[in-house]
């Protein structure tokens, strides 16, 4: 499910309507967690156990690191990097078309799983949680539901924007519809859809000539132009997604950081 699909529009409408029902106010965080799981598993539910293992494992190492940071923090980081390495590089060592990859059915199942969407993002998100919270030694440790929401909050689950636990965790509390900054949220969402649907998609049509065999028909000066347009396409795509995510976060009472400020400019490092 993508932000630009009609299915996402239906999904968002239902979740938003349920989220602010007075009868469900005490379960807002749980609702967002369930909605995020549905969002991630839509079309590929077989990836949900992997996501659960990643979050539960990170939570376990977080609790242990609160007691002995020097021992369990590195282990928690290695755990997450091992997940990333397994899914990123497993096809270098196995042929997925082989009938039997190993003698262990459960391991065969893992080997045949496709590359999880956004795995790089949420693995490093997990690591940031471990490092940030244990470094600050916040007490008490966050509960499992809050950790789930921080990691898999659906507006930012696939491509960000990147958040810090110290900024996001204090925002996990009951929300009321009257506090929603509707105008600001609408500006972010509309800006994001404009850049993603109009700018990025149209540039994608133009830059298709960079692929074989079309580039052979393009003159040298036009190839340089296509290179510039492609950089603009990347910018518009990621800025559009990030803007939509910021706007969606505001709709549910969470302010996500604006960490996509002039990535090609002199102030690229500023957030």
Protein backbone atom coordinates (compact mmCIF):
# COMPACT_ATOMS: atom_id res chain seq x y z
CA UNK A 1 0.00 0.00 0.00
CA UNK A 2 1.43 3.37 -1.02
CA UNK A 3 0.47 6.91 -0.04
CA UNK A 4 -0.74 7.52 -3.59
CA UNK A 5 -3.13 4.55 -3.82
CA UNK A 6 -6.89 4.71 -3.33
CA UNK A 7 -6.59 1.89 -0.81
CA UNK A 8 -4.49 4.15 1.39
CA UNK A 9 -7.17 6.85 1.21
CA UNK A 10 -9.77 4.39 2.51
CA UNK A 11 -7.37 3.09 5.15
CA UNK A 12 -6.51 6.60 6.38
CA UNK A 13 -10.16 7.65 6.56
CA UNK A 14 -11.13 4.64 8.67
CA UNK A 15 -8.15 4.91 11.03
CA UNK A 16 -8.61 8.67 11.47
CA UNK A 17 -12.32 8.24 12.21
CA UNK A 18 -11.73 5.53 14.80
CA UNK A 19 -8.75 7.29 16.35
CA UNK A 20 -10.73 10.25 17.64
CA UNK A 21 -13.81 8.36 18.82
CA UNK A 22 -14.27 9.21 22.53
CA UNK A 23 -14.93 5.55 23.33
CA UNK A 24 -11.51 4.57 21.91
CA UNK A 25 -9.46 7.41 23.41
CA UNK A 26 -7.72 5.06 25.86
CA UNK A 27 -6.69 2.78 22.99
CA UNK A 28 -5.31 5.35 20.54
CA UNK A 29 -1.74 4.05 20.71
CA UNK A 30 -2.90 0.45 20.30
CA UNK A 31 -5.03 1.46 17.33
CA UNK A 32 -2.06 3.14 15.64
CA UNK A 33 0.10 0.07 16.23
CA UNK A 34 -2.54 -2.24 14.72
CA UNK A 35 -3.07 0.17 11.81
CA UNK A 36 0.70 0.32 11.20
CA UNK A 37 0.93 -3.48 11.18
CA UNK A 38 -1.93 -3.65 8.68
CA UNK A 39 -0.28 -0.95 6.55
CA UNK A 40 3.04 -2.80 6.48
CA UNK A 41 1.56 -6.24 5.94
CA UNK A 42 -0.91 -5.21 3.24
CA UNK A 43 -0.11 -7.32 0.20
CA UNK A 44 2.75 -9.15 1.95
CA UNK A 45 1.46 -10.45 5.31
CA UNK A 46 4.27 -13.02 5.41
CA UNK A 47 6.63 -10.17 6.35
CA UNK A 48 4.78 -9.35 9.59
CA UNK A 49 6.50 -12.07 11.68
CA UNK A 50 9.87 -10.69 10.60
CA UNK A 51 8.83 -7.18 11.63
CA UNK A 52 7.57 -8.49 14.97
CA UNK A 53 10.87 -10.29 15.60
CA UNK A 54 12.80 -7.10 14.82
CA UNK A 55 10.72 -4.99 17.21
CA UNK A 56 10.48 -7.57 20.00
CA UNK A 57 14.19 -8.31 19.77
CA UNK A 58 15.02 -4.62 19.93
CA UNK A 59 12.73 -4.16 22.93
CA UNK A 60 14.37 -7.10 24.74
CA UNK A 61 17.86 -5.71 24.17
CA UNK A 62 16.65 -2.24 25.19
CA UNK A 63 15.42 -3.57 28.55
CA UNK A 64 18.69 -5.43 29.08
CA UNK A 65 20.74 -2.40 28.04
CA UNK A 66 19.03 -0.30 30.70
CA UNK A 67 20.73 -2.62 33.20
CA UNK A 68 24.07 -3.25 31.48
CA UNK A 69 24.54 -0.86 28.58
CA UNK A 70 28.13 -1.78 27.74
CA UNK A 71 27.21 -5.43 27.17
CA UNK A 72 23.71 -5.42 25.70
CA UNK A 73 23.78 -2.28 23.57
CA UNK A 74 26.42 -3.67 21.16
CA UNK A 75 24.57 -7.01 21.05
CA UNK A 76 21.32 -5.22 20.20
CA UNK A 77 23.04 -3.28 17.42
CA UNK A 78 24.58 -6.47 16.01
CA UNK A 79 21.16 -8.17 16.14
CA UNK A 80 19.63 -5.47 13.97
CA UNK A 81 22.55 -5.29 11.56
CA UNK A 82 22.43 -9.08 11.21
CA UNK A 83 18.76 -8.84 10.17
CA UNK A 84 19.64 -6.23 7.58
CA UNK A 85 22.61 -8.20 6.25
CA UNK A 86 20.59 -11.42 6.06
CA UNK A 87 17.86 -9.98 3.88
CA UNK A 88 20.13 -7.73 1.83
CA UNK A 89 22.76 -10.29 0.93
CA UNK A 90 21.19 -13.75 1.25
CA UNK A 91 20.73 -14.04 -2.53
CA UNK A 92 24.49 -13.83 -2.96
CA UNK A 93 24.78 -17.28 -1.40
CA UNK A 94 21.56 -19.12 -2.25
CA UNK A 95 19.41 -19.67 -5.35
CA UNK A 96 15.76 -18.96 -4.44
CA UNK A 97 14.48 -21.27 -7.18
CA UNK A 98 16.03 -24.33 -5.54
CA UNK A 99 13.39 -26.74 -4.26
CA UNK A 100 15.10 -27.31 -0.90
CA UNK A 101 17.51 -24.70 0.39
CA UNK A 102 18.29 -26.40 3.69
CA UNK A 103 17.06 -29.23 5.87
CA UNK A 104 15.20 -26.81 8.16
CA UNK A 105 11.72 -25.79 6.87
CA UNK A 106 11.59 -22.66 9.04
CA UNK A 107 14.96 -21.49 7.70
CA UNK A 108 13.84 -22.21 4.15
CA UNK A 109 10.81 -19.99 4.78
CA UNK A 110 13.08 -17.11 5.84
CA UNK A 111 15.33 -17.60 2.84
CA UNK A 112 12.39 -17.39 0.45
CA UNK A 113 10.98 -14.20 1.95
CA UNK A 114 11.28 -11.15 -0.35
CA UNK A 115 13.35 -8.15 0.69
CA UNK A 116 11.19 -6.41 3.34
CA UNK A 117 10.01 -2.95 2.39
CA UNK A 118 11.88 -0.26 4.29
CA UNK A 119 14.12 -2.70 6.16
CA UNK A 120 17.11 -0.35 6.05
CA UNK A 121 15.06 2.45 7.55
CA UNK A 122 13.48 0.58 10.43
CA UNK A 123 16.70 -1.32 11.29
CA UNK A 124 18.55 1.96 11.78
CA UNK A 125 15.46 3.31 13.53
CA UNK A 126 15.78 0.40 15.98
CA UNK A 127 19.45 1.18 16.53
CA UNK A 128 18.71 4.86 17.15
CA UNK A 129 16.16 3.81 19.80
CA UNK A 130 18.72 1.62 21.57
CA UNK A 131 21.46 4.24 21.51
CA UNK A 132 19.32 7.28 22.30
CA UNK A 133 17.32 5.97 25.24
CA UNK A 134 20.13 4.08 26.95
CA UNK A 135 22.52 7.01 26.54
CA UNK A 136 20.07 9.36 28.20
CA UNK A 137 19.23 6.68 30.80
CA UNK A 138 15.60 7.74 30.89
CA UNK A 139 13.49 6.26 33.65
CA UNK A 140 11.21 4.42 33.56
CA UNK A 141 11.93 2.46 30.36
CA UNK A 142 9.25 2.73 27.66
CA UNK A 143 6.57 0.06 27.47
CA UNK A 144 6.37 -2.39 24.57
CA UNK A 145 3.42 -0.61 22.92
CA UNK A 146 5.30 2.70 22.84
CA UNK A 147 8.35 1.00 21.32
CA UNK A 148 6.16 -0.60 18.66
CA UNK A 149 4.60 2.77 17.82
CA UNK A 150 7.97 4.54 17.68
CA UNK A 151 9.39 1.98 15.26
CA UNK A 152 6.39 1.20 13.01
CA UNK A 153 4.30 4.42 13.06
CA UNK A 154 2.88 4.07 9.55
CA UNK A 155 3.42 7.62 8.20
CA UNK A 156 7.19 7.20 8.59
CA UNK A 157 7.55 3.40 8.52
CA UNK A 158 8.92 2.97 5.00
CA UNK A 159 11.07 6.04 4.28
CA UNK A 160 11.04 8.35 7.25
CA UNK A 161 11.51 11.12 8.16
CA UNK A 162 13.98 9.95 10.78
CA UNK A 163 13.00 10.70 14.37
CA UNK A 164 14.72 10.57 17.74
CA UNK A 165 13.17 8.62 20.58
CA UNK A 166 13.73 11.54 22.96
CA UNK A 167 11.52 13.72 20.73
CA UNK A 168 8.89 11.16 19.78
CA UNK A 169 8.30 9.26 23.03
CA UNK A 170 7.06 12.28 25.06
CA UNK A 171 4.37 12.81 22.41
CA UNK A 172 2.80 9.40 23.11
CA UNK A 173 -0.25 10.45 25.10
CA UNK A 174 -4.02 10.79 24.53
CA UNK A 175 -4.96 13.11 21.67
CA UNK A 176 -8.10 15.14 21.05
CA UNK A 177 -9.44 16.25 17.68
CA UNK A 178 -9.64 19.90 18.77
CA UNK A 179 -5.83 20.02 19.07
CA UNK A 180 -5.19 18.83 15.51
CA UNK A 181 -3.40 21.48 13.44
CA UNK A 182 -5.55 20.85 10.39
CA UNK A 183 -4.33 23.76 8.27
CA UNK A 184 -0.65 22.97 8.77
CA UNK A 185 -1.27 19.27 8.21
CA UNK A 186 -3.17 19.99 5.00
CA UNK A 187 -0.34 22.21 3.71
CA UNK A 188 2.22 19.47 4.27
CA UNK A 189 0.06 16.75 2.72
CA UNK A 190 -0.93 18.78 -0.34
CA UNK A 191 2.66 19.94 -0.89
CA UNK A 192 3.85 16.37 -0.62
CA UNK A 193 1.31 15.01 -3.09
CA UNK A 194 2.14 17.81 -5.53
CA UNK A 195 5.85 16.99 -5.48
CA UNK A 196 5.31 13.23 -5.58
CA UNK A 197 2.48 12.93 -8.10
CA UNK A 198 3.05 15.92 -10.37
CA UNK A 199 6.76 16.76 -10.20
CA UNK A 200 8.40 13.39 -9.50
CA UNK A 201 6.10 11.34 -11.74
CA UNK A 202 6.46 13.70 -14.70
CA UNK A 203 10.22 13.80 -14.28
CA UNK A 204 10.21 10.00 -14.15
CA UNK A 205 8.60 9.96 -17.59
CA UNK A 206 11.29 12.27 -18.95
CA UNK A 207 14.23 10.47 -17.36
CA UNK A 208 13.07 7.12 -18.75
CA UNK A 209 15.39 7.93 -21.65
CA UNK A 210 18.33 7.23 -19.35
CA UNK A 211 17.55 3.51 -19.61
CA UNK A 212 18.75 1.13 -22.30
CA UNK A 213 18.22 1.32 -25.21
CA UNK A 214 16.69 4.81 -25.19
CA UNK A 215 19.86 6.61 -24.05
CA UNK A 216 21.54 5.63 -27.32
CA UNK A 217 19.17 7.97 -29.15
CA UNK A 218 19.95 10.94 -26.88
CA UNK A 219 22.64 13.50 -27.70
CA UNK A 220 25.45 14.21 -25.23
CA UNK A 221 24.12 17.58 -24.02
CA UNK A 222 20.71 16.01 -23.45
CA UNK A 223 22.27 13.25 -21.38
CA UNK A 224 23.66 15.89 -19.04
CA UNK A 225 20.22 17.46 -18.86
CA UNK A 226 18.69 14.08 -18.02
CA UNK A 227 21.22 13.69 -15.21
CA UNK A 228 20.11 17.01 -13.70
CA UNK A 229 16.45 16.11 -14.12
CA UNK A 230 17.03 12.77 -12.44
CA UNK A 231 18.55 14.48 -9.40
CA UNK A 232 15.46 16.70 -9.30
CA UNK A 233 13.25 13.62 -9.55
CA UNK A 234 14.96 12.01 -6.55
CA UNK A 235 14.58 15.22 -4.57
CA UNK A 236 10.89 15.62 -5.46
CA UNK A 237 10.13 11.99 -4.65
CA UNK A 238 11.72 11.97 -1.21
CA UNK A 239 10.64 15.49 -0.31
CA UNK A 240 7.10 14.61 -1.37
CA UNK A 241 7.03 11.44 0.73
CA UNK A 242 8.55 13.19 3.75
CA UNK A 243 6.07 16.07 3.49
CA UNK A 244 3.10 13.69 3.34
CA UNK A 245 4.49 11.84 6.37
CA UNK A 246 4.85 15.07 8.37
CA UNK A 247 1.28 16.06 7.52
CA UNK A 248 -0.13 12.64 8.40
CA UNK A 249 1.76 12.69 11.68
CA UNK A 250 0.13 16.03 12.56
CA UNK A 251 -3.31 14.58 11.82
CA UNK A 252 -2.72 12.03 14.58
CA UNK A 253 -1.14 14.50 16.98
CA UNK A 254 2.53 13.68 16.36
CA UNK A 255 5.04 16.22 15.11
CA UNK A 256 7.71 14.56 12.99
CA UNK A 257 10.98 16.40 12.27
CA UNK A 258 11.54 18.28 9.05
CA UNK A 259 14.83 16.62 8.21
CA UNK A 260 14.79 17.09 4.46
CA UNK A 261 16.00 20.67 4.32
CA UNK A 262 18.00 21.62 1.19
CA UNK A 263 19.74 18.24 0.69
CA UNK A 264 21.56 19.60 -2.38
CA UNK A 265 22.36 22.99 -0.84
CA UNK A 266 24.92 24.51 1.50
CA UNK A 267 22.62 24.00 4.49
CA UNK A 268 22.02 20.32 3.78
CA UNK A 269 23.17 19.26 7.21
CA UNK A 270 20.70 21.49 9.03
CA UNK A 271 17.40 20.04 10.24
